[in-house]
Amino acid sequence: MVGTVNKHIRIDEELWERLEAAAKDRKTTANRLLAELAARWLENREWPRTDVQIQVARSSLFTAQAVARDMIAAGREEEIEEIRRDISRIAPDLPEEPPDI
C-alpha cells in the first residue's frame, strides 16, 4: 500500500484471533481494524483527562449510591426510578457494542 509504514507489535494470540474475527465481519484486515480503532480512540478521547476529573466522577457515583440507599431505606424507591428515567433522557446509556467502523 502506498503511504503505509511497516510496524510490529506483540499481542496475545487470543486477542489477535478476536481482532481477526471482528475484522472479517467488517471485510477488512485485523491490522487495519486495530489501527482504525486506535485512531478513533485518540481522536475522541476527551474525558476524563486528569486525575482530578476521575476523582470527581468517582465521588459523584459514590454520593449517588449513598443517597439512593438512604432513599430506599426511607421507602422512596419510586422517586429513584423517576430520577433514573430523567437521567436516561439526558444521558442515555452507552451502547454495549462498539460502533462499526
Protein backbone atom coordinates (compact mmCIF):
# COMPACT_ATOMS: atom_id res chain seq x y z
CA MET A 1 0.00 0.00 0.00
CA VAL A 2 1.24 3.44 -0.86
CA GLY A 3 1.85 5.71 2.13
CA THR A 4 1.91 2.98 4.76
CA VAL A 5 4.61 2.00 7.23
CA ASN A 6 5.56 -1.46 8.42
CA LYS A 7 5.45 -1.75 12.23
CA HIS A 8 5.37 -4.77 14.51
CA ILE A 9 3.53 -5.20 17.81
CA ARG A 10 3.31 -8.02 20.31
CA ILE A 11 -0.23 -9.14 21.08
CA ASP A 12 -1.85 -12.02 22.92
CA GLU A 13 -2.88 -14.78 20.49
CA GLU A 14 -6.45 -14.95 21.81
CA LEU A 15 -6.89 -11.19 21.39
CA TRP A 16 -5.45 -11.35 17.88
CA GLU A 17 -7.95 -14.08 16.95
CA ARG A 18 -10.78 -11.86 18.24
CA LEU A 19 -9.47 -8.97 16.15
CA GLU A 20 -9.26 -11.18 13.06
CA ALA A 21 -12.84 -12.38 13.56
CA ALA A 22 -14.11 -8.82 14.03
CA ALA A 23 -12.14 -7.63 11.01
CA LYS A 24 -13.54 -10.43 8.86
CA ASP A 25 -17.08 -9.37 9.79
CA ARG A 26 -16.22 -5.84 8.65
CA LYS A 27 -14.45 -7.02 5.48
CA THR A 28 -11.09 -5.54 6.47
CA THR A 29 -7.84 -6.81 7.95
CA ALA A 30 -7.06 -7.16 11.64
CA ASN A 31 -4.14 -4.75 11.24
CA ARG A 32 -6.37 -2.13 9.63
CA LEU A 33 -9.11 -2.59 12.22
CA LEU A 34 -6.63 -2.22 15.07
CA ALA A 35 -5.14 0.93 13.55
CA GLU A 36 -8.57 2.48 12.88
CA LEU A 37 -9.80 1.71 16.39
CA ALA A 38 -6.66 3.23 17.91
CA ALA A 39 -7.01 6.33 15.71
CA ARG A 40 -10.67 6.70 16.65
CA TRP A 41 -9.82 6.43 20.33
CA LEU A 42 -7.06 9.04 20.02
CA GLU A 43 -9.38 11.45 18.19
CA ASN A 44 -12.36 11.04 20.52
CA ARG A 45 -10.90 10.69 23.99
CA GLU A 46 -11.93 13.76 25.84
CA TRP A 47 -12.87 12.85 29.38
CA PRO A 48 -11.62 12.26 31.96
CA ARG A 49 -8.28 13.83 31.20
CA THR A 50 -6.92 14.43 34.66
CA ASP A 51 -6.79 12.61 37.98
CA VAL A 52 -8.98 15.33 39.47
CA GLN A 53 -11.72 14.67 36.89
CA ILE A 54 -11.53 10.95 37.64
CA GLN A 55 -11.79 11.62 41.39
CA VAL A 56 -14.80 13.92 40.86
CA ALA A 57 -16.54 11.26 38.76
CA ARG A 58 -15.88 8.56 41.36
CA SER A 59 -17.03 10.83 44.19
CA SER A 60 -20.22 11.66 42.31
CA LEU A 61 -21.01 7.99 41.80
CA PHE A 62 -20.32 7.20 45.46
CA THR A 63 -22.54 10.08 46.58
CA ALA A 64 -25.36 9.00 44.26
CA GLN A 65 -25.15 5.45 45.60
CA ALA A 66 -25.27 6.65 49.22
CA VAL A 67 -28.27 8.89 48.52
CA ALA A 68 -30.08 6.06 46.70
CA ARG A 69 -29.53 3.69 49.63
CA ASP A 70 -30.93 6.28 52.05
CA MET A 71 -33.97 6.79 49.80
CA ILE A 72 -34.57 3.03 49.58
CA ALA A 73 -34.33 2.73 53.37
CA ALA A 74 -36.91 5.52 53.65
CA GLY A 75 -39.29 3.70 51.25
CA ARG A 76 -38.78 6.14 48.36
CA GLU A 77 -37.92 3.63 45.57
CA GLU A 78 -40.44 5.22 43.18
CA GLU A 79 -38.56 8.51 43.34
CA ILE A 80 -35.32 6.72 42.46
CA GLU A 81 -36.94 5.24 39.36
CA GLU A 82 -38.19 8.68 38.36
CA ILE A 83 -34.68 10.09 38.74
CA ARG A 84 -33.26 7.23 36.65
CA ARG A 85 -35.78 7.94 33.87
CA ASP A 86 -34.83 11.63 33.91
CA ILE A 87 -31.12 10.79 33.75
CA SER A 88 -31.74 8.36 30.87
CA ARG A 89 -33.38 11.14 28.86
CA ILE A 90 -30.46 13.49 29.48
CA ALA A 91 -27.62 10.97 29.20
CA PRO A 92 -28.70 7.74 27.51
CA ASP A 93 -26.84 4.53 28.26
CA LEU A 94 -23.77 3.78 26.19
CA PRO A 95 -24.11 1.03 23.60
CA GLU A 96 -22.77 -2.36 24.69
CA GLU A 97 -21.06 -2.93 21.36
CA PRO A 98 -18.54 -0.50 19.85
CA PRO A 99 -19.79 1.26 16.71
CA ASP A 100 -18.88 -0.19 13.32
CA ILE A 101 -16.00 1.41 11.53
